[in-house]
Protein backbone atom coordinates (compact mmCIF):
# COMPACT_ATOMS: atom_id res chain seq x y z
CA MET A 1 93.66 133.60 111.47
CA SER A 2 90.88 132.76 113.83
CA ASP A 3 88.20 130.11 112.89
CA LYS A 4 85.44 132.92 112.99
CA ILE A 5 87.32 135.10 110.62
CA ASP A 6 88.27 132.30 108.18
CA ASN A 7 84.61 131.12 108.12
CA GLN A 8 83.42 134.61 107.50
CA ARG A 9 85.84 134.86 104.54
CA GLU A 10 84.65 131.57 103.12
CA GLY A 11 81.11 132.51 103.72
CA THR A 12 81.44 135.43 101.23
CA SER A 13 82.65 132.95 98.65
CA LEU A 14 81.29 129.51 98.91
CA VAL A 15 77.80 128.70 99.80
CA ARG A 16 76.42 126.13 102.15
CA ALA A 17 73.95 124.52 99.69
CA LEU A 18 74.48 120.84 100.39
CA GLY A 19 72.22 118.98 102.59
CA PRO A 20 72.55 115.48 104.23
CA VAL A 21 71.53 113.44 101.27
CA ASP A 22 73.66 115.40 98.92
CA ALA A 23 76.91 115.09 101.29
CA THR A 24 76.11 111.29 101.65
CA MET A 25 75.89 111.07 97.65
CA ILE A 26 79.57 112.77 97.59
CA VAL A 27 80.83 110.14 99.87
CA ILE A 28 79.03 107.11 98.13
CA GLY A 29 79.61 108.52 94.59
CA SER A 30 83.30 109.11 95.02
CA MET A 31 83.98 105.82 96.53
CA ILE A 32 82.05 103.59 93.90
CA GLY A 33 83.87 103.82 90.70
CA SER A 34 85.34 100.89 88.80
CA GLY A 35 87.33 99.46 91.61
CA ILE A 36 84.61 97.15 92.99
CA PHE A 37 84.19 95.65 89.64
CA ILE A 38 87.76 94.85 88.77
CA THR A 39 90.15 94.81 91.72
CA SER A 40 89.05 91.43 93.28
CA ALA A 41 90.95 89.72 90.47
CA GLU A 42 94.33 90.86 91.64
CA SER A 43 93.34 90.58 95.25
CA SER A 44 92.30 86.79 94.69
CA ARG A 45 95.45 86.03 92.70
CA LEU A 46 97.73 87.56 95.58
CA SER A 47 96.00 85.72 98.50
CA GLY A 48 94.73 82.61 96.74
CA ALA A 49 91.55 81.78 98.60
CA PRO A 50 88.01 83.02 98.90
CA GLY A 51 88.25 83.60 102.77
CA TRP A 52 91.35 85.80 102.33
CA LEU A 53 89.80 87.75 99.65
CA LEU A 54 86.67 88.60 101.72
CA LEU A 55 88.87 89.18 104.82
CA ALA A 56 90.99 91.70 102.59
CA TRP A 57 87.76 93.71 101.68
CA ALA A 58 86.62 93.36 105.48
CA ILE A 59 89.89 94.87 106.94
CA ALA A 60 89.76 97.48 104.31
CA GLY A 61 86.27 98.26 105.38
CA LEU A 62 87.30 98.34 109.02
CA LEU A 63 89.98 100.95 108.12
CA THR A 64 87.48 102.85 106.21
CA ILE A 65 84.92 102.95 109.06
CA THR A 66 87.47 103.69 111.67
CA GLY A 67 88.95 106.34 109.74
CA ALA A 68 85.45 107.94 109.22
CA LEU A 69 84.85 107.89 112.89
CA CYS A 70 88.04 109.80 113.52
CA CYS A 71 87.54 112.10 110.52
CA SER A 72 84.02 113.08 111.48
CA GLU A 73 85.35 114.84 114.68
CA LEU A 74 87.75 116.66 112.61
CA ALA A 75 85.22 117.42 109.98
CA THR A 76 82.81 119.00 112.35
CA MET A 77 85.43 120.94 114.18
CA MET A 78 86.78 122.36 111.25
CA PRO A 79 84.10 122.39 108.26
CA ARG A 80 86.09 124.24 105.92
CA ALA A 81 87.02 124.21 102.27
CA GLY A 82 90.02 121.83 101.89
CA GLY A 83 89.04 119.36 104.51
CA VAL A 84 91.93 116.90 105.28
CA TYR A 85 94.35 119.66 104.10
CA VAL A 86 93.24 121.82 106.76
CA PHE A 87 93.38 119.01 109.45
CA LEU A 88 96.90 118.42 108.65
CA ARG A 89 97.80 122.05 108.59
CA GLU A 90 96.28 122.72 111.94
CA ALA A 91 97.81 119.52 113.61
CA TYR A 92 101.25 119.56 112.17
CA GLY A 93 101.80 123.05 110.66
CA PRO A 94 101.55 124.40 106.97
CA PRO A 95 104.48 122.36 105.45
CA LEU A 96 102.78 119.04 106.06
CA GLY A 97 99.35 120.38 104.94
CA PHE A 98 101.01 121.66 101.85
CA LEU A 99 102.64 118.32 101.02
CA TYR A 100 99.10 116.67 101.15
CA GLY A 101 97.65 119.09 98.79
CA TRP A 102 100.51 119.03 96.49
CA THR A 103 100.55 115.24 96.18
CA LEU A 104 96.89 115.35 95.75
CA PHE A 105 97.16 117.66 92.81
CA LEU A 106 100.14 116.02 91.40
CA VAL A 107 98.99 112.41 91.45
CA ILE A 108 96.39 111.28 94.00
CA GLN A 109 93.13 113.19 92.93
CA THR A 110 94.06 114.04 89.31
CA GLY A 111 95.40 110.57 88.80
CA THR A 112 92.36 108.81 90.10
CA ILE A 113 90.22 111.14 87.98
CA ALA A 114 92.29 110.02 84.88
CA ALA A 115 92.19 106.46 85.68
CA VAL A 116 88.42 106.52 86.08
CA ALA A 117 87.82 108.58 82.99
CA ILE A 118 89.88 106.00 81.05
CA ALA A 119 87.84 103.22 82.73
CA PHE A 120 84.69 104.96 81.46
CA ALA A 121 86.14 105.10 77.92
CA LYS A 122 87.27 101.24 77.98
CA PHE A 123 83.54 100.31 78.81
CA LEU A 124 82.25 102.68 76.27
CA GLY A 125 84.40 100.71 73.82
CA VAL A 126 82.25 97.69 74.48
CA PHE A 127 79.37 99.56 72.68
CA VAL A 128 81.34 101.76 70.31
CA THR A 129 84.36 99.86 68.71
CA ALA A 130 85.86 103.09 67.51
CA VAL A 131 86.63 103.74 71.06
CA SER A 132 89.79 101.85 71.33
CA PRO A 133 93.28 102.28 73.04
CA ASP A 134 94.76 101.25 69.57
CA ASN A 135 92.75 103.54 67.50
CA TYR A 136 95.29 106.38 67.27
CA LEU A 137 94.71 109.93 66.34
CA VAL A 138 98.46 110.59 67.23
CA ALA A 139 100.44 107.38 67.10
CA PRO A 140 102.52 106.82 70.26
CA ILE A 141 105.78 109.16 70.07
CA SER A 142 108.73 107.79 72.12
CA VAL A 143 110.07 109.77 74.86
CA GLY A 144 112.86 108.02 76.61
CA GLY A 145 111.39 104.97 78.09
CA TYR A 146 107.82 106.27 77.66
CA ALA A 147 105.40 107.25 74.87
CA ILE A 148 102.95 110.09 74.47
CA SER A 149 99.86 109.24 72.21
CA LEU A 150 96.26 110.31 71.47
CA SER A 151 93.79 107.34 70.95
CA MET A 152 90.13 107.50 70.63
CA GLU A 153 90.09 105.94 74.18
CA GLN A 154 92.23 108.84 75.42
CA LEU A 155 90.16 111.51 73.49
CA VAL A 156 86.94 110.25 75.18
CA ALA A 157 88.65 110.34 78.46
CA ILE A 158 89.74 113.91 78.09
CA ALA A 159 86.28 114.85 76.94
CA LEU A 160 84.66 113.40 80.06
CA ILE A 161 87.05 115.38 82.13
CA ALA A 162 86.19 118.67 80.29
CA LEU A 163 82.60 117.93 80.20
CA LEU A 164 82.37 117.35 84.04
CA THR A 165 84.83 120.18 84.86
CA TRP A 166 82.68 122.60 82.88
CA THR A 167 79.39 121.40 84.59
CA ASN A 168 80.86 121.88 87.88
CA THR A 169 81.85 125.42 87.05
CA ARG A 170 78.39 126.12 86.34
CA GLY A 171 77.62 126.17 90.19
CA LEU A 172 77.07 123.69 93.05
CA GLU A 173 73.62 123.03 92.14
CA VAL A 174 74.38 121.43 88.77
CA GLY A 175 77.24 119.45 90.26
CA LYS A 176 74.94 118.19 92.92
CA ILE A 177 72.24 117.17 90.45
CA VAL A 178 74.62 115.27 88.47
CA GLN A 179 76.21 113.54 91.42
CA ASN A 180 72.80 112.61 93.08
CA THR A 181 71.42 111.17 89.79
CA PHE A 182 74.43 109.06 88.92
CA THR A 183 74.98 107.94 92.44
CA PHE A 184 71.63 106.62 92.89
CA ALA A 185 71.74 104.97 89.56
CA LYS A 186 75.08 103.17 90.26
CA THR A 187 74.26 102.26 93.92
CA ALA A 188 71.22 100.52 92.48
CA ALA A 189 73.24 98.86 89.92
CA LEU A 190 75.66 97.44 92.56
CA ALA A 191 72.86 96.43 94.51
CA ALA A 192 71.44 94.61 91.59
CA VAL A 193 74.74 92.78 91.07
CA VAL A 194 74.51 91.65 94.70
CA VAL A 195 70.84 90.53 94.44
CA ILE A 196 71.48 88.74 91.19
CA GLY A 197 74.70 86.95 92.25
CA LEU A 198 73.09 85.99 95.59
CA SER A 199 70.03 84.59 94.12
CA LEU A 200 71.32 82.90 91.04
CA GLY A 201 74.60 81.76 92.32
CA LEU A 202 75.94 78.86 94.40
CA HIS A 203 76.46 76.63 91.38
CA SER A 204 78.41 73.32 91.98
CA THR A 205 81.42 74.93 90.34
CA SER A 206 81.24 78.21 92.12
CA ALA A 207 84.14 79.40 94.37
CA ALA A 208 81.84 79.41 97.31
CA ARG A 209 81.14 75.50 97.08
CA ASN A 210 84.25 74.23 95.23
CA ALA A 211 87.34 76.31 96.47
CA ALA A 212 89.27 75.67 99.78
CA TRP A 213 88.27 78.82 101.72
CA TRP A 214 91.36 79.31 103.62
CA ASN A 215 93.97 76.87 102.33
CA SER A 216 95.53 78.80 99.34
CA TRP A 217 97.95 76.05 98.48
CA ALA A 218 94.96 73.57 97.99
CA ASN A 219 93.64 76.02 95.28
CA GLY A 220 96.96 75.85 93.30
CA TRP A 221 98.48 79.05 94.86
CA SER A 222 101.95 79.66 96.02
CA PRO A 223 103.93 82.96 97.06
CA GLN A 224 106.05 82.45 93.93
CA ILE A 225 103.14 82.07 91.48
CA ALA A 226 101.35 85.29 93.16
CA GLN A 227 104.44 87.10 93.01
CA PRO A 228 107.35 86.05 90.80
CA GLY A 229 110.68 86.26 92.45
CA PHE A 230 109.13 86.32 95.92
CA THR A 231 111.59 84.32 98.26
CA LEU A 232 109.44 83.74 101.31
CA VAL A 233 107.28 80.59 101.93
CA GLY A 234 104.69 79.39 104.14
CA GLY A 235 102.52 81.46 106.47
CA LEU A 236 105.06 84.42 106.42
CA GLY A 237 104.81 84.55 102.67
CA LEU A 238 101.01 84.42 102.71
CA ALA A 239 100.73 87.03 105.34
CA LEU A 240 102.80 89.55 103.70
CA LEU A 241 101.05 88.90 100.24
CA PHE A 242 97.79 89.21 101.79
CA GLY A 243 98.79 92.79 102.96
CA ARG A 244 99.49 93.61 99.29
CA SER A 245 96.08 92.14 98.31
CA MET A 246 94.49 94.99 100.34
CA VAL A 247 95.72 97.63 97.96
CA GLY A 248 92.83 97.22 95.49
CA PRO A 249 90.14 97.19 98.24
CA LEU A 250 91.66 100.18 99.95
CA PHE A 251 91.84 102.39 96.83
CA ALA A 252 88.22 101.31 95.99
CA GLN A 253 87.26 102.79 99.39
CA THR A 254 89.76 105.73 99.92
CA ALA A 255 87.86 108.65 98.28
CA TRP A 256 85.39 108.98 101.19
CA THR A 257 87.67 111.81 102.38
CA ASN A 258 86.34 114.14 99.46
CA VAL A 259 83.37 115.20 101.36
CA THR A 260 85.57 116.97 103.84
CA PHE A 261 86.99 119.09 101.03
CA ILE A 262 83.52 120.62 100.63
CA GLY A 263 82.94 121.24 104.22
CA SER A 264 82.44 125.10 103.67
CA GLU A 265 79.52 124.05 101.48
CA VAL A 266 77.58 121.72 103.78
CA ARG A 267 74.62 122.85 105.71
CA GLU A 268 74.68 122.11 109.41
CA PRO A 269 77.99 120.53 109.05
CA GLY A 270 77.95 119.45 112.82
CA LYS A 271 75.26 117.09 111.91
CA ASN A 272 75.34 116.28 108.17
CA LEU A 273 79.05 115.58 107.94
CA VAL A 274 79.08 112.81 110.32
CA ARG A 275 75.83 111.37 108.74
CA ALA A 276 77.65 111.57 105.33
CA LEU A 277 80.87 110.05 106.53
CA VAL A 278 79.80 107.06 108.69
CA GLY A 279 76.39 106.51 106.91
CA GLY A 280 77.93 106.67 103.40
CA CYS A 281 81.09 104.52 104.13
CA GLY A 282 78.86 102.04 105.99
CA ILE A 283 76.68 101.64 102.95
CA VAL A 284 79.65 101.07 100.67
CA VAL A 285 81.54 98.85 103.02
CA VAL A 286 78.57 96.49 103.03
CA LEU A 287 77.69 96.67 99.46
CA TYR A 288 81.44 95.80 98.57
CA LEU A 289 81.49 92.74 100.92
CA LEU A 290 78.18 91.53 99.52
CA ALA A 291 79.46 92.23 96.01
CA ASN A 292 82.48 89.86 96.49
CA VAL A 293 80.23 87.42 98.12
CA ALA A 294 78.04 87.26 94.76
CA TYR A 295 81.24 86.78 92.70
CA LEU A 296 82.19 83.85 94.82
CA ALA A 297 78.67 82.51 94.44
CA VAL A 298 78.51 82.59 90.75
CA LEU A 299 82.26 82.19 89.40
CA PRO A 300 84.71 79.52 90.05
CA PHE A 301 87.75 80.87 91.91
CA PRO A 302 90.10 80.58 88.98
CA GLU A 303 87.59 82.64 86.90
CA ILE A 304 87.91 85.29 89.40
CA GLN A 305 91.52 85.38 89.30
CA ARG A 306 91.76 85.17 85.53
CA ALA A 307 88.64 87.18 84.64
CA PRO A 308 89.57 89.02 81.20
CA GLN A 309 91.17 92.27 81.78
CA ASN A 310 90.24 91.89 85.42
CA ARG A 311 86.57 92.55 84.72
CA VAL A 312 85.12 90.16 87.43
CA ALA A 313 81.71 91.77 87.51
CA VAL A 314 81.29 91.58 83.73
CA ALA A 315 82.45 88.05 83.98
CA MET A 316 79.80 87.26 86.51
CA MET A 317 76.92 89.00 84.58
CA ASN A 318 78.06 86.99 81.52
CA ALA A 319 78.10 83.67 83.36
CA ALA A 320 74.57 84.62 84.52
CA PHE A 321 72.92 86.02 81.48
CA GLY A 322 75.42 85.59 78.58
CA ARG A 323 76.56 88.51 76.47
CA PRO A 324 73.30 90.70 77.28
CA GLY A 325 74.39 90.46 81.05
CA ALA A 326 77.93 91.57 80.16
CA MET A 327 76.56 94.40 78.27
CA CYS A 328 74.16 95.70 81.02
CA MET A 329 77.31 95.43 83.46
CA ALA A 330 79.59 97.54 81.03
CA ALA A 331 76.72 100.24 80.83
CA ALA A 332 76.45 100.07 84.69
CA ILE A 333 80.16 100.60 85.12
CA MET A 334 79.89 103.52 82.65
CA ILE A 335 77.30 105.11 84.91
CA SER A 336 79.46 104.33 87.99
CA THR A 337 82.80 105.87 86.41
CA PHE A 338 80.67 108.86 85.23
CA GLY A 339 79.28 109.61 88.75
CA CYS A 340 82.69 109.05 90.43
CA ASP A 341 84.56 111.26 88.25
CA ASN A 342 82.01 114.04 88.92
CA GLY A 343 82.38 113.68 92.73
CA LEU A 344 86.07 113.59 92.45
CA ILE A 345 86.34 116.62 90.16
CA LEU A 346 83.80 118.58 92.26
CA ALA A 347 85.67 117.99 95.65
CA GLY A 348 89.18 117.98 94.57
CA ALA A 349 89.19 121.64 93.38
CA ARG A 350 88.26 122.79 96.80
CA VAL A 351 91.76 121.65 98.35
CA TYR A 352 93.69 123.73 95.79
CA TYR A 353 91.20 126.59 96.46
CA ALA A 354 92.04 126.38 100.14
CA MET A 355 95.86 126.15 99.66
CA ALA A 356 95.70 129.47 97.32
CA ARG A 357 93.87 131.17 100.13
CA ASP A 358 96.74 130.43 102.40
CA ARG A 359 99.02 131.79 99.75
CA LEU A 360 100.44 128.48 98.78
CA PHE A 361 99.12 128.28 95.27
CA PHE A 362 98.51 130.50 92.28
CA GLN A 363 96.35 133.32 93.57
CA LYS A 364 93.76 133.10 90.66
CA ILE A 365 92.91 129.60 92.26
CA ALA A 366 91.81 131.37 95.43
CA THR A 367 88.80 133.06 93.40
CA THR A 368 85.28 132.09 92.73
CA ASN A 369 83.08 132.76 89.75
CA ARG A 370 79.77 134.20 89.48
CA PHE A 371 78.18 130.79 90.60
CA ARG A 372 80.25 130.96 93.68
CA VAL A 373 82.32 127.86 92.84
CA PRO A 374 86.15 127.87 92.57
CA ALA A 375 86.03 127.66 88.72
CA ALA A 376 89.90 128.46 88.28
CA ALA A 377 90.74 125.66 90.64
CA LEU A 378 88.52 123.25 88.66
CA VAL A 379 90.12 124.47 85.29
CA ALA A 380 93.67 124.04 86.69
CA GLN A 381 92.65 120.59 88.03
CA GLY A 382 91.10 119.61 84.64
CA ILE A 383 94.01 120.55 82.50
CA TRP A 384 96.61 118.73 84.45
CA THR A 385 94.36 115.55 84.67
CA ALA A 386 93.95 115.71 81.01
CA LEU A 387 97.61 116.02 80.51
CA LEU A 388 97.99 112.83 82.67
CA THR A 389 95.95 110.83 80.21
CA LEU A 390 98.55 111.23 77.42
CA PRO A 391 101.77 109.80 78.53
CA ARG A 392 102.06 105.95 78.16
CA THR A 393 104.48 103.32 79.62
CA VAL A 394 106.20 101.11 77.17
CA THR A 395 106.58 97.57 77.57
CA VAL A 396 108.53 95.17 75.41
CA GLY A 397 107.69 91.34 75.73
CA ALA A 398 110.88 89.46 76.54
CA ALA A 399 109.69 86.47 74.45
CA THR A 400 107.65 88.03 71.61
CA GLY A 401 109.49 91.61 71.30
CA ARG A 402 105.59 92.83 71.14
CA ILE A 403 105.39 96.38 72.43
CA THR A 404 102.40 97.17 74.59
CA TYR A 405 101.35 100.50 76.22
CA GLY A 406 100.05 101.27 79.72
CA ASN A 407 99.28 104.58 81.32
CA VAL A 408 101.75 106.59 83.25
CA TYR A 409 99.09 107.55 86.07
CA ASN A 410 98.57 103.96 86.90
CA GLN A 411 102.16 103.68 87.72
CA LEU A 412 102.19 106.82 89.53
CA LEU A 413 99.18 105.78 91.71
CA GLU A 414 101.17 102.47 92.42
CA TYR A 415 104.13 104.47 93.67
CA ILE A 416 101.76 106.73 95.92
CA VAL A 417 100.07 103.97 97.66
CA SER A 418 102.38 104.00 100.79
CA ALA A 419 102.40 107.76 100.85
CA ASP A 420 98.55 107.86 100.71
CA LEU A 421 98.19 105.43 103.63
CA LEU A 422 100.74 107.50 105.57
CA PHE A 423 98.68 110.61 105.08
CA TYR A 424 95.61 108.73 106.21
CA LEU A 425 97.69 107.51 109.28
CA LEU A 426 98.68 111.17 109.99
CA MET A 427 94.97 112.33 109.68
CA VAL A 428 93.97 109.79 112.39
CA VAL A 429 96.93 110.85 114.65
CA ALA A 430 95.92 114.71 113.98
CA LEU A 431 92.81 113.77 115.85
CA ILE A 432 94.87 112.83 118.91
CA ILE A 433 97.01 115.66 118.59
CA LEU A 434 94.30 118.29 118.28
CA ARG A 435 92.49 116.91 121.45
CA ARG A 436 95.63 118.03 123.28
CA LYS A 437 96.67 121.06 121.16
CA GLN A 438 92.99 122.61 121.13
CA PRO A 439 91.18 120.98 123.99
CA ASP A 440 88.67 123.78 124.32
CA ALA A 441 87.62 123.93 120.53
CA GLU A 442 84.05 123.08 119.72
CA ARG A 443 83.35 119.64 118.71
CA PRO A 444 79.81 119.01 117.57
CA TYR A 445 80.74 115.44 117.38
CA ARG A 446 83.34 113.41 119.32
CA THR A 447 84.66 110.10 118.01
CA TRP A 448 82.79 107.16 119.25
CA GLY A 449 84.98 104.59 121.01
CA TYR A 450 87.97 106.97 121.50
CA SER A 451 90.84 106.27 122.06
CA PHE A 452 90.35 102.56 120.93
CA VAL A 453 88.94 103.33 117.54
CA PRO A 454 91.92 105.80 116.33
CA ILE A 455 94.47 103.11 117.76
CA VAL A 456 92.92 100.39 115.72
CA SER A 457 93.10 102.65 112.58
CA ILE A 458 96.72 103.62 113.26
CA LEU A 459 97.94 100.06 113.87
CA LEU A 460 96.20 98.58 110.80
CA SER A 461 97.40 101.38 108.45
CA GLY A 462 100.86 101.24 110.10
CA LEU A 463 101.16 97.55 109.45
CA LEU A 464 100.12 97.87 105.68
CA ILE A 465 102.65 100.61 105.26
CA VAL A 466 105.48 98.30 106.78
CA ASP A 467 104.24 95.45 104.70
CA LEU A 468 104.25 97.50 101.32
CA ALA A 469 107.61 98.83 102.08
CA TRP A 470 109.06 95.48 102.67
CA LEU A 471 107.60 93.97 99.62
CA ALA A 472 108.11 96.69 97.37
CA PRO A 473 110.86 99.06 98.72
CA ALA A 474 111.54 100.85 95.30
CA THR A 475 108.09 101.44 94.64
CA SER A 476 107.29 102.92 98.13
CA GLY A 477 110.45 104.93 98.05
CA ILE A 478 109.49 106.64 94.54
CA GLY A 479 106.03 107.36 96.29
CA ILE A 480 107.89 109.28 99.07
CA LEU A 481 110.18 110.96 96.65
CA ILE A 482 106.87 112.18 94.70
CA VAL A 483 105.65 113.70 97.95
CA LEU A 484 108.99 115.40 98.70
CA THR A 485 108.84 117.01 95.33
CA GLY A 486 106.67 119.47 97.30
CA VAL A 487 109.25 120.57 99.57
CA PRO A 488 111.02 123.05 97.20
CA VAL A 489 107.70 124.11 95.78
CA TYR A 490 106.43 125.05 99.38
CA PHE A 491 109.48 127.20 100.08
CA PHE A 492 108.93 128.93 96.58
CA TRP A 493 105.30 129.83 97.64
CA ARG A 494 106.69 130.87 101.19
CA LEU A 495 109.32 132.95 99.69
CA ARG A 496 107.96 134.59 96.61
CA PRO A 497 106.56 138.10 96.86
CA ILE A 498 103.00 138.17 97.80
CA ARG A 499 100.76 139.45 94.97
């Protein structure tokens, strides 16, 4: 089907109602969730020094910016619903595009929405004690090595998913207003964290003054402490664990591709998608780096590493202002997670809508409602996401025998890290393939720094994929198996009678 016909079909369903500010708010709002406030704790434990922590965020930022520059050409060349799904389909064929969309629905998008919703509920628990992971409406029911439960925390998460799914079925204008309002608020909150940390920090005990910036061993670190059972020592051990320390920073930034999912609804996509991708990613990368500098300026390095429940930002505000500061930070993170989930819910449904239009998903998902949004896709995404909040992992303490419960989607997201990076790499390579495959296609924007920028992006992501495969082969292998579950499903959709 030609681009012209495809765009005409989409034009009868979806409406180009998003301007440059709206598209940028999708980028920023989908990126800033709970990650920047908590993942620095794990990164600092794995790398062992302030310099390595900042470098991890800087390299993750470099991957984001180079990826955004490459993605901008693809997005302006094919401004359609589905975004990355469409890019992979056009470059490699329908099967790979489907595997991306399938994995997005099965784990990546829905699992992230579930995780962010639980984070919202956790911080609501700071103000409402009844919202607790241990306050059960349905106590854990064992299912093999897992359990299913419904706690007040899980109920709040499900309610948030249902609320934001419903508001997004009311039309793009409603979703846009929610997104813009909460994105402005949480960007201001993150900026306030930066200003407070840089203005009130640099105490004599802070990491910025007291920790060895690059000598991890001088800070009491060793590869075996960072990852028990790790056998390598010296610089090689540090290099490999440094790669793993980038997982948190990368996942705090990966959702920037969400704006491509709504390419059919952005006005003047040849201009506005580039501005949103490059401008939005640039703002977030700078804020993330400065936020980590603020943490280092206020807190001793061990307090960053051992922040209660990894809440580094809360620990920083508590150190600066006591409990009132911690409460303000908890409120800011609630605003952040609320806005983040809205952006993820709004954008993710457009991928399944595009898949259904290609006859690769339930045909009902290819429809829009009277508000001209893919309501069926939003509802399907919401139901599966809500179900993902119910299963729990079960861990029995070796010494105490105490049972603790985790969340299955967190485990699934850990499995999918390498696969997600692989899709990122394939997206960048798609730029090179389509330059050769479709040389005469209209390109309102051509990647700045081509071909240096794509090569840098490919090399960095490739090294990280190899590093994670080396450190956690079982985890990476399970991630690939999750992706491959889409193979029989793809052939099912291809072979089933078209209705």
